[in-house]
N, C-alpha and C. Protein backbone atom coordinates (compact mmCIF):
# COMPACT_ATOMS: atom_id res chain seq x y z
N MET A 1 -13.54 20.57 9.81
CA MET A 1 -12.38 19.47 9.88
C MET A 1 -12.07 19.72 8.50
N LYS A 2 -10.86 19.19 8.64
CA LYS A 2 -9.67 19.13 7.31
C LYS A 2 -9.61 17.92 7.48
N ILE A 3 -9.72 17.18 6.44
CA ILE A 3 -9.21 16.25 5.57
C ILE A 3 -8.80 16.49 4.54
N ILE A 4 -7.95 15.55 4.02
CA ILE A 4 -7.27 15.43 3.05
C ILE A 4 -6.92 14.36 2.36
N ARG A 5 -7.58 13.87 0.95
CA ARG A 5 -7.05 12.97 0.17
C ARG A 5 -6.49 12.61 -0.98
N ILE A 6 -5.29 11.95 -0.95
CA ILE A 6 -4.28 11.57 -2.03
C ILE A 6 -4.51 10.52 -2.79
N ASN A 7 -5.18 10.38 -3.79
CA ASN A 7 -5.22 9.53 -4.86
C ASN A 7 -3.81 9.06 -4.98
N LYS A 8 -3.89 7.73 -5.02
CA LYS A 8 -2.59 7.17 -5.09
C LYS A 8 -2.26 6.37 -6.77
N GLY A 9 -3.70 6.00 -7.74
CA GLY A 9 -4.15 5.39 -8.52
C GLY A 9 -4.83 3.80 -8.47
N LYS A 10 -5.04 3.47 -9.47
CA LYS A 10 -6.00 2.22 -9.01
C LYS A 10 -5.26 1.47 -8.71
N ALA A 11 -6.29 0.29 -8.03
CA ALA A 11 -5.42 -0.62 -6.72
C ALA A 11 -5.60 -1.79 -7.74
N VAL A 12 -6.33 -1.77 -8.73
CA VAL A 12 -6.41 -3.31 -9.69
C VAL A 12 -6.25 -3.00 -11.40
N PRO A 13 -4.85 -3.62 -11.50
CA PRO A 13 -4.15 -3.49 -12.54
C PRO A 13 -5.27 -3.78 -13.95
N LEU A 14 -5.41 -2.69 -15.14
CA LEU A 14 -6.56 -2.55 -16.26
C LEU A 14 -6.32 -4.37 -16.83
N PRO A 15 -5.55 -5.23 -16.71
CA PRO A 15 -5.76 -6.40 -17.25
C PRO A 15 -6.71 -7.46 -16.41
N ILE A 16 -6.68 -7.06 -15.20
CA ILE A 16 -7.03 -8.10 -14.73
C ILE A 16 -8.54 -7.86 -14.26
N ARG A 17 -8.71 -6.51 -14.47
CA ARG A 17 -10.02 -5.79 -14.46
C ARG A 17 -10.73 -6.28 -15.74
N PHE A 18 -10.28 -6.28 -17.07
CA PHE A 18 -10.79 -6.72 -18.47
C PHE A 18 -11.12 -8.33 -18.19
N VAL A 19 -10.30 -9.08 -17.37
CA VAL A 19 -10.33 -10.44 -17.63
C VAL A 19 -11.25 -10.55 -16.81
N SER A 20 -11.44 -9.79 -15.13
CA SER A 20 -12.67 -10.10 -14.62
C SER A 20 -13.77 -10.11 -15.21
N VAL A 21 -14.29 -8.99 -16.17
CA VAL A 21 -15.40 -8.73 -17.10
C VAL A 21 -15.35 -10.26 -17.80
N LEU A 22 -14.14 -10.70 -18.51
CA LEU A 22 -14.32 -11.62 -19.46
C LEU A 22 -15.14 -12.89 -18.32
N VAL A 23 -14.71 -13.16 -17.67
CA VAL A 23 -14.91 -14.80 -16.46
C VAL A 23 -16.07 -14.16 -16.02
N MET A 24 -16.81 -13.11 -15.75
CA MET A 24 -18.26 -12.79 -15.57
C MET A 24 -19.11 -13.28 -16.58
N VAL A 25 -18.99 -12.81 -18.00
CA VAL A 25 -19.45 -13.09 -18.80
C VAL A 25 -19.67 -14.40 -18.97
N ILE A 26 -18.37 -15.65 -19.45
CA ILE A 26 -18.33 -16.96 -19.34
C ILE A 26 -19.18 -17.63 -18.36
N ILE A 27 -19.12 -16.75 -16.64
CA ILE A 27 -20.01 -17.39 -15.69
C ILE A 27 -21.21 -17.74 -16.34
N THR A 28 -21.82 -16.43 -16.88
CA THR A 28 -22.77 -16.36 -17.27
C THR A 28 -23.74 -16.86 -18.20
N ILE A 29 -23.04 -17.15 -19.29
CA ILE A 29 -23.11 -17.95 -20.20
C ILE A 29 -23.31 -19.24 -19.90
N ALA A 30 -22.44 -19.69 -18.95
CA ALA A 30 -22.43 -21.04 -18.15
C ALA A 30 -23.39 -21.31 -17.45
N LEU A 31 -24.06 -20.64 -16.47
CA LEU A 31 -25.23 -20.48 -15.88
C LEU A 31 -26.27 -20.68 -16.50
N MET A 32 -26.62 -19.74 -17.61
CA MET A 32 -27.65 -19.95 -18.66
C MET A 32 -27.66 -21.34 -19.38
N ASP A 33 -26.87 -22.21 -19.55
CA ASP A 33 -27.21 -23.45 -19.59
C ASP A 33 -27.40 -24.72 -18.62
N ALA A 34 -26.88 -24.30 -17.30
CA ALA A 34 -27.07 -25.28 -16.33
C ALA A 34 -28.41 -24.84 -15.49
N LEU A 35 -28.79 -23.78 -15.26
CA LEU A 35 -29.84 -23.60 -14.34
C LEU A 35 -30.72 -22.94 -15.29
N PRO A 36 -31.83 -22.89 -14.46
CA PRO A 36 -33.18 -22.57 -15.09
C PRO A 36 -32.83 -20.89 -15.30
N GLU A 37 -33.99 -20.15 -16.29
CA GLU A 37 -33.47 -18.60 -16.55
C GLU A 37 -33.92 -17.88 -15.17
N PRO A 38 -34.59 -17.86 -14.42
CA PRO A 38 -34.62 -16.93 -13.46
C PRO A 38 -33.05 -17.14 -12.48
N TRP A 39 -33.26 -17.87 -12.00
CA TRP A 39 -31.75 -18.63 -11.42
C TRP A 39 -30.62 -17.75 -11.99
N SER A 40 -30.09 -18.37 -13.26
CA SER A 40 -29.36 -17.99 -13.94
C SER A 40 -28.81 -16.12 -13.97
N ILE A 41 -30.08 -15.69 -14.10
CA ILE A 41 -30.27 -13.54 -14.36
C ILE A 41 -29.92 -13.39 -12.73
N PHE A 42 -30.91 -14.31 -12.03
CA PHE A 42 -30.27 -14.08 -10.38
C PHE A 42 -28.27 -13.84 -10.05
N ILE A 43 -28.59 -15.17 -10.47
CA ILE A 43 -26.37 -15.08 -10.38
C ILE A 43 -26.18 -14.17 -10.65
N ALA A 44 -25.86 -14.05 -12.01
CA ALA A 44 -25.75 -12.97 -12.76
C ALA A 44 -25.16 -11.42 -12.64
N ILE A 45 -26.53 -11.45 -11.88
CA ILE A 45 -26.70 -9.73 -11.18
C ILE A 45 -26.31 -9.64 -9.56
N LEU A 46 -26.32 -10.63 -9.01
CA LEU A 46 -24.96 -10.97 -7.89
C LEU A 46 -23.59 -10.89 -8.31
N ILE A 47 -23.31 -11.69 -9.47
CA ILE A 47 -21.88 -11.24 -10.04
C ILE A 47 -21.67 -9.93 -10.34
N ALA A 48 -22.51 -9.45 -11.26
CA ALA A 48 -21.83 -8.55 -12.30
C ALA A 48 -22.25 -7.18 -11.01
N SER A 49 -22.89 -6.71 -9.78
CA SER A 49 -22.86 -6.11 -9.00
C SER A 49 -21.67 -5.97 -8.24
N PHE A 50 -20.74 -7.04 -8.05
CA PHE A 50 -19.28 -6.61 -7.45
C PHE A 50 -18.40 -6.15 -8.67
N LEU A 51 -18.69 -6.25 -10.00
CA LEU A 51 -17.77 -5.51 -10.59
C LEU A 51 -17.06 -4.37 -10.62
N PRO A 52 -18.11 -2.95 -10.07
CA PRO A 52 -17.88 -2.01 -10.07
C PRO A 52 -16.79 -1.87 -9.11
N ALA A 53 -17.01 -2.56 -7.88
CA ALA A 53 -15.95 -2.48 -6.87
C ALA A 53 -15.13 -2.99 -7.10
N LEU A 54 -14.38 -3.54 -8.15
CA LEU A 54 -13.37 -3.83 -8.54
C LEU A 54 -12.90 -3.68 -9.73
N TRP A 55 -13.50 -2.61 -10.58
CA TRP A 55 -12.98 -1.74 -11.48
C TRP A 55 -13.07 -0.70 -10.69
N PHE A 56 -13.83 0.04 -9.84
CA PHE A 56 -13.40 1.67 -9.57
C PHE A 56 -12.43 1.35 -8.23
N ALA A 57 -11.97 0.49 -7.72
CA ALA A 57 -10.89 0.60 -6.09
C ALA A 57 -9.93 1.49 -6.41
N THR A 58 -9.52 2.08 -5.64
CA THR A 58 -8.39 3.13 -5.93
C THR A 58 -7.92 3.08 -4.65
N ASN A 59 -6.54 3.36 -4.76
CA ASN A 59 -5.61 3.37 -3.36
C ASN A 59 -5.59 4.94 -3.37
N VAL A 60 -5.44 5.04 -2.04
CA VAL A 60 -5.51 6.62 -1.08
C VAL A 60 -4.88 6.55 -0.41
N ILE A 61 -4.83 7.93 0.11
CA ILE A 61 -4.03 8.53 1.55
C ILE A 61 -5.12 9.38 2.15
N ILE A 62 -5.71 8.90 3.34
CA ILE A 62 -6.48 10.30 3.91
C ILE A 62 -5.77 10.88 5.01
N ILE A 63 -5.62 12.30 5.24
CA ILE A 63 -5.42 12.73 6.30
C ILE A 63 -6.23 13.46 7.02
N ASN A 64 -6.28 13.05 8.03
CA ASN A 64 -7.96 13.72 9.09
C ASN A 64 -6.98 13.99 9.57
N GLU A 65 -6.50 15.68 10.05
CA GLU A 65 -6.02 16.71 10.76
C GLU A 65 -6.80 16.52 12.29
N GLU A 66 -7.89 16.74 12.02
CA GLU A 66 -8.49 17.29 13.36
C GLU A 66 -8.38 15.88 14.05
N ASP A 67 -8.48 14.54 13.75
CA ASP A 67 -8.53 13.75 14.35
C ASP A 67 -7.21 12.80 14.63
N LYS A 68 -6.55 13.35 13.81
CA LYS A 68 -4.85 13.25 13.78
C LYS A 68 -4.58 11.32 13.31
N THR A 69 -5.35 11.63 12.01
CA THR A 69 -5.37 9.71 11.70
C THR A 69 -4.59 9.70 10.64
N ILE A 70 -4.11 8.75 9.72
CA ILE A 70 -3.73 8.83 8.79
C ILE A 70 -4.17 7.35 8.04
N PHE A 71 -5.02 7.39 7.08
CA PHE A 71 -5.51 6.08 6.23
C PHE A 71 -4.67 5.77 4.69
N ASP A 72 -4.17 5.15 4.86
CA ASP A 72 -3.42 4.50 3.99
C ASP A 72 -4.45 2.99 3.49
N GLY A 73 -5.34 3.18 2.40
CA GLY A 73 -5.34 2.11 1.96
C GLY A 73 -6.26 2.24 0.78
N VAL A 74 -7.63 0.88 0.66
CA VAL A 74 -8.10 1.36 -0.89
C VAL A 74 -9.26 1.47 -0.33
N TRP A 75 -10.28 2.82 -1.54
CA TRP A 75 -11.46 3.29 -1.43
C TRP A 75 -12.04 2.24 -3.12
N THR A 76 -13.14 1.89 -2.53
CA THR A 76 -14.17 1.21 -3.46
C THR A 76 -15.80 1.53 -3.25
N MET A 77 -16.14 2.52 -3.96
CA MET A 77 -17.60 2.21 -3.77
C MET A 77 -17.93 3.12 -2.64
N GLY A 78 -17.36 4.13 -1.79
CA GLY A 78 -17.75 4.56 -1.04
C GLY A 78 -17.44 3.82 0.47
N ARG A 79 -16.92 2.75 0.14
CA ARG A 79 -16.11 1.90 1.24
C ARG A 79 -14.51 1.90 1.42
N LYS A 80 -14.37 2.23 2.84
CA LYS A 80 -12.57 2.16 3.03
C LYS A 80 -12.59 0.77 3.41
N LEU A 81 -11.03 0.17 2.90
CA LEU A 81 -10.64 -1.19 3.33
C LEU A 81 -9.49 -0.78 3.56
N GLY A 82 -9.31 -0.90 5.17
CA GLY A 82 -8.14 -0.92 5.63
C GLY A 82 -8.55 0.01 7.19
N LYS A 83 -6.98 0.19 7.91
CA LYS A 83 -7.69 1.11 9.35
C LYS A 83 -6.73 1.86 9.30
N PRO A 84 -7.35 3.38 9.77
CA PRO A 84 -6.72 4.38 10.28
C PRO A 84 -5.50 3.97 10.94
N VAL A 85 -4.55 5.17 11.29
CA VAL A 85 -3.18 4.75 11.86
C VAL A 85 -3.17 6.26 12.70
N ARG A 86 -3.43 6.12 13.98
CA ARG A 86 -3.11 7.77 15.01
C ARG A 86 -1.38 8.29 14.01
N TYR A 87 -1.19 9.27 14.65
CA TYR A 87 -0.11 10.17 14.59
C TYR A 87 -0.17 11.06 14.99
N GLN A 88 1.13 11.84 15.54
CA GLN A 88 1.44 12.88 16.24
C GLN A 88 1.16 14.20 15.54
N SER A 89 2.49 13.86 14.91
CA SER A 89 3.15 15.70 13.43
C SER A 89 3.45 14.49 12.72
N ILE A 90 3.61 15.66 11.76
CA ILE A 90 3.77 14.92 9.99
C ILE A 90 4.83 15.56 10.13
N GLU A 91 6.21 15.35 10.09
CA GLU A 91 7.55 15.68 9.93
C GLU A 91 8.04 16.86 8.11
N LYS A 92 7.92 15.91 7.59
CA LYS A 92 7.70 16.63 5.79
C LYS A 92 7.16 15.42 5.10
N ILE A 93 7.21 16.11 3.83
CA ILE A 93 7.48 15.05 2.90
C ILE A 93 8.37 15.67 1.58
N PHE A 94 9.17 14.24 1.00
CA PHE A 94 10.14 14.36 0.66
C PHE A 94 10.40 13.76 -0.76
N ILE A 95 11.07 13.92 -1.63
CA ILE A 95 11.06 13.11 -2.98
C ILE A 95 12.39 12.46 -3.19
N ASN A 96 12.68 11.42 -3.77
CA ASN A 96 13.74 10.49 -4.25
C ASN A 96 13.46 9.74 -5.13
N LYS A 97 14.78 10.11 -6.17
CA LYS A 97 15.12 9.63 -7.68
C LYS A 97 15.51 8.85 -7.77
N VAL A 98 14.88 7.77 -8.17
CA VAL A 98 15.25 6.58 -8.59
C VAL A 98 15.75 5.94 -9.58
N LYS A 99 16.39 5.41 -9.70
CA LYS A 99 16.72 4.40 -11.22
C LYS A 99 15.82 3.21 -11.27
N THR A 100 15.06 3.18 -12.26
CA THR A 100 14.36 2.44 -12.83
C THR A 100 15.15 2.01 -14.29
N LYS A 101 15.04 0.43 -14.47
CA LYS A 101 15.68 -0.74 -16.05
C LYS A 101 14.48 -1.12 -16.04
N GLN A 102 14.38 -0.97 -17.56
CA GLN A 102 13.30 -2.23 -18.37
C GLN A 102 14.30 -3.27 -18.73
N THR A 103 13.93 -3.98 -18.74
CA THR A 103 14.65 -5.02 -20.47
C THR A 103 13.53 -5.73 -21.39
N MET A 104 13.75 -5.01 -22.19
CA MET A 104 12.86 -5.48 -23.52
C MET A 104 13.65 -6.70 -24.51
N TYR A 105 12.59 -7.44 -24.75
CA TYR A 105 12.73 -8.51 -25.62
C TYR A 105 12.90 -8.70 -27.45
N SER A 106 13.41 -8.48 -28.52
CA SER A 106 12.76 -8.63 -29.82
C SER A 106 12.41 -10.13 -30.15
N LEU A 107 12.14 -10.32 -31.72
CA LEU A 107 11.82 -11.67 -31.73
C LEU A 107 13.18 -12.64 -31.78
N SER A 108 14.22 -11.49 -32.18
CA SER A 108 15.64 -12.45 -32.11
C SER A 108 16.37 -12.59 -31.00
N ASN A 109 15.69 -12.50 -30.03
CA ASN A 109 15.72 -12.72 -28.73
C ASN A 109 17.15 -11.94 -28.67
N ARG A 110 16.89 -10.53 -29.00
CA ARG A 110 18.31 -9.54 -28.85
C ARG A 110 17.86 -9.00 -27.28
N GLN A 111 18.28 -8.36 -26.32
CA GLN A 111 17.97 -8.05 -25.29
C GLN A 111 18.23 -6.72 -25.32
N ASN A 112 17.59 -5.21 -24.85
CA ASN A 112 17.42 -3.95 -24.94
C ASN A 112 17.46 -3.53 -22.98
N VAL A 113 17.96 -2.93 -22.46
CA VAL A 113 18.05 -2.21 -21.17
C VAL A 113 18.05 -1.01 -21.36
N VAL A 114 16.45 -0.56 -20.85
CA VAL A 114 16.51 0.72 -20.89
C VAL A 114 16.37 1.62 -19.42
N ALA A 115 17.31 2.41 -18.95
CA ALA A 115 17.58 2.71 -17.64
C ALA A 115 16.67 4.34 -17.76
N ASN A 116 16.10 4.80 -16.55
CA ASN A 116 15.38 5.96 -16.37
C ASN A 116 15.55 6.28 -15.02
N TYR A 117 14.82 7.30 -14.51
CA TYR A 117 15.13 7.81 -13.39
C TYR A 117 13.50 8.09 -13.21
N GLU A 118 13.00 7.77 -11.63
CA GLU A 118 11.68 7.92 -11.74
C GLU A 118 11.71 8.60 -10.00
N HIS A 119 11.08 9.94 -10.33
CA HIS A 119 10.93 10.98 -8.83
C HIS A 119 9.51 10.39 -8.17
N ARG A 120 10.01 9.86 -6.66
CA ARG A 120 9.20 8.96 -5.97
C ARG A 120 8.61 10.11 -4.31
N ALA A 121 7.70 10.53 -4.61
CA ALA A 121 7.26 11.51 -3.28
C ALA A 121 6.73 10.39 -1.88
N TYR A 122 7.22 10.62 -0.71
CA TYR A 122 6.77 10.13 0.44
C TYR A 122 6.55 11.44 1.45
N LEU A 123 5.63 10.63 2.13
CA LEU A 123 5.50 11.51 3.28
C LEU A 123 5.82 10.42 4.94
N LYS A 124 6.24 12.00 5.42
CA LYS A 124 7.51 10.77 6.41
C LYS A 124 6.54 11.79 7.91
N LEU A 125 6.45 10.58 8.73
CA LEU A 125 5.77 11.35 9.81
C LEU A 125 6.97 11.01 10.86
N ASP A 126 6.47 11.97 12.46
CA ASP A 126 7.54 12.64 13.40
C ASP A 126 7.91 11.06 14.12
N ASN A 127 6.91 9.95 13.97
CA ASN A 127 7.97 8.45 14.57
C ASN A 127 8.48 7.45 13.42
N GLY A 128 8.75 8.34 12.65
CA GLY A 128 9.57 7.67 11.20
C GLY A 128 8.90 7.18 10.38
N ASP A 129 7.57 6.46 10.52
CA ASP A 129 6.83 5.81 9.36
C ASP A 129 6.84 6.96 8.00
N LYS A 130 6.99 6.36 6.80
CA LYS A 130 6.97 6.69 5.58
C LYS A 130 5.53 6.03 4.80
N TYR A 131 4.70 6.99 3.96
CA TYR A 131 4.30 6.73 3.22
C TYR A 131 4.20 7.06 2.00
N PHE A 132 3.87 6.27 0.76
CA PHE A 132 4.42 6.32 -0.68
C PHE A 132 2.81 7.45 -0.72
N LEU A 133 3.32 8.58 -2.07
CA LEU A 133 2.40 9.53 -2.38
C LEU A 133 2.10 9.16 -3.54
N LEU A 134 3.05 9.33 -4.46
CA LEU A 134 2.97 9.54 -6.04
C LEU A 134 4.42 9.09 -6.96
N SER A 135 4.85 9.05 -8.04
CA SER A 135 5.62 8.75 -8.52
C SER A 135 5.18 9.40 -9.79
N HIS A 136 6.28 9.87 -10.09
CA HIS A 136 6.44 10.44 -11.81
C HIS A 136 7.93 10.47 -12.36
N PRO A 137 8.31 10.01 -14.15
CA PRO A 137 9.35 10.18 -14.33
C PRO A 137 9.71 11.92 -14.38
N LEU A 138 9.29 12.79 -14.50
CA LEU A 138 9.61 14.63 -14.76
C LEU A 138 9.71 14.86 -13.16
N GLU A 139 10.72 15.71 -12.77
CA GLU A 139 10.54 16.09 -11.17
C GLU A 139 9.76 17.32 -11.00
N GLU A 140 9.38 17.98 -12.51
CA GLU A 140 8.57 18.65 -12.30
C GLU A 140 7.29 18.76 -11.94
N ARG A 141 6.74 17.56 -12.77
CA ARG A 141 5.59 17.17 -12.29
C ARG A 141 5.14 16.92 -10.57
N VAL A 142 6.19 15.97 -10.08
CA VAL A 142 5.96 15.38 -8.89
C VAL A 142 6.34 16.50 -8.11
N GLU A 143 7.25 17.81 -7.95
CA GLU A 143 7.21 18.98 -7.71
C GLU A 143 5.65 19.39 -7.22
N GLU A 144 5.23 20.01 -8.15
CA GLU A 144 3.84 20.53 -8.77
C GLU A 144 2.87 20.09 -7.46
N LYS A 145 2.92 18.31 -7.85
CA LYS A 145 1.78 18.08 -6.97
C LYS A 145 2.03 17.56 -5.71
N VAL A 146 3.93 17.49 -5.35
CA VAL A 146 3.81 17.81 -3.68
C VAL A 146 3.70 19.26 -3.52
N ALA A 147 4.02 20.39 -4.14
CA ALA A 147 3.59 21.49 -3.60
C ALA A 147 1.94 21.52 -2.92
N LYS A 148 1.30 21.57 -3.62
CA LYS A 148 -0.11 21.13 -3.61
C LYS A 148 -0.95 20.40 -2.26
N ILE A 149 -0.08 19.50 -2.12
CA ILE A 149 -0.54 18.53 -0.87
C ILE A 149 0.48 19.39 0.22
N ARG A 150 1.37 20.35 0.21
CA ARG A 150 2.53 20.53 1.22
C ARG A 150 1.30 22.02 2.01
N GLU A 151 0.90 22.28 0.48
CA GLU A 151 -0.19 23.96 1.10
C GLU A 151 -1.07 23.47 1.83
N LYS A 152 -1.78 21.99 1.31
CA LYS A 152 -2.70 21.63 2.37
C LYS A 152 -2.97 21.70 3.34
N LEU A 153 -1.44 20.60 3.65
CA LEU A 153 -1.37 20.27 5.17
C LEU A 153 -0.54 21.30 5.70
N GLY A 154 -0.40 22.46 5.20
CA GLY A 154 0.53 23.70 5.79
C GLY A 154 1.77 23.42 6.44
N LEU A 155 2.70 22.45 5.82
CA LEU A 155 3.53 22.61 5.42
C LEU A 155 5.20 23.12 5.27
N LYS A 156 6.05 23.69 5.34
CA LYS A 156 6.85 24.13 4.81
C LYS A 156 7.84 23.92 3.99
N GLN A 157 8.31 24.22 3.06
CA GLN A 157 9.47 23.70 1.74
C GLN A 157 10.65 23.40 2.92
N SER A 158 10.87 21.68 2.31
CA SER A 158 12.22 21.17 2.54
C SER A 158 13.07 21.29 2.19
C-alpha cells in the first residue's frame, strides 16, 4: 500500500497552546479550593489529558494511492479529524510566487512596510481541486521539498 503523508505544520498556534496550559493550571488551582481534593485531582487529570491532543495537533495531507483518496485535515494523537476525498488522478504540483506585506509600527507611531515574496506549493487534481502543501520564502527550499513529493508520487517535473 502506497501512502504519502505531507506535514503542513502545527494546527494550533504556539501562543494559544501556551494559553491553554496556563488556563488548565488556573482551573486546577481554582478547583483545589472549590472541591474536595480527590474530585479536584480527578478533574485536573481529565482536563490535562486533552492538552497533548491540542499541543501536538498537526495539519496534514495523506494521499493513499491504492484507494485513490486524499485526506486534508488535522492529525492528533493518532486520530484524524476530517474526511478523505476520492480523486481520479493527480494532475501536477505547482509553485506560485506570492508577494506578502508586513506592517510594523515603532513607538513613535512610524510605520514600516516590509514586502517579501513567498513561494507556495499546491497539489492540483484532475478535477481542478487544489490543496496547499507548503510555503517558504526561498524558492530553492520549496523546490527541494516538492521534488521529494513528486518523486514519491511518481509525477513528472512540470
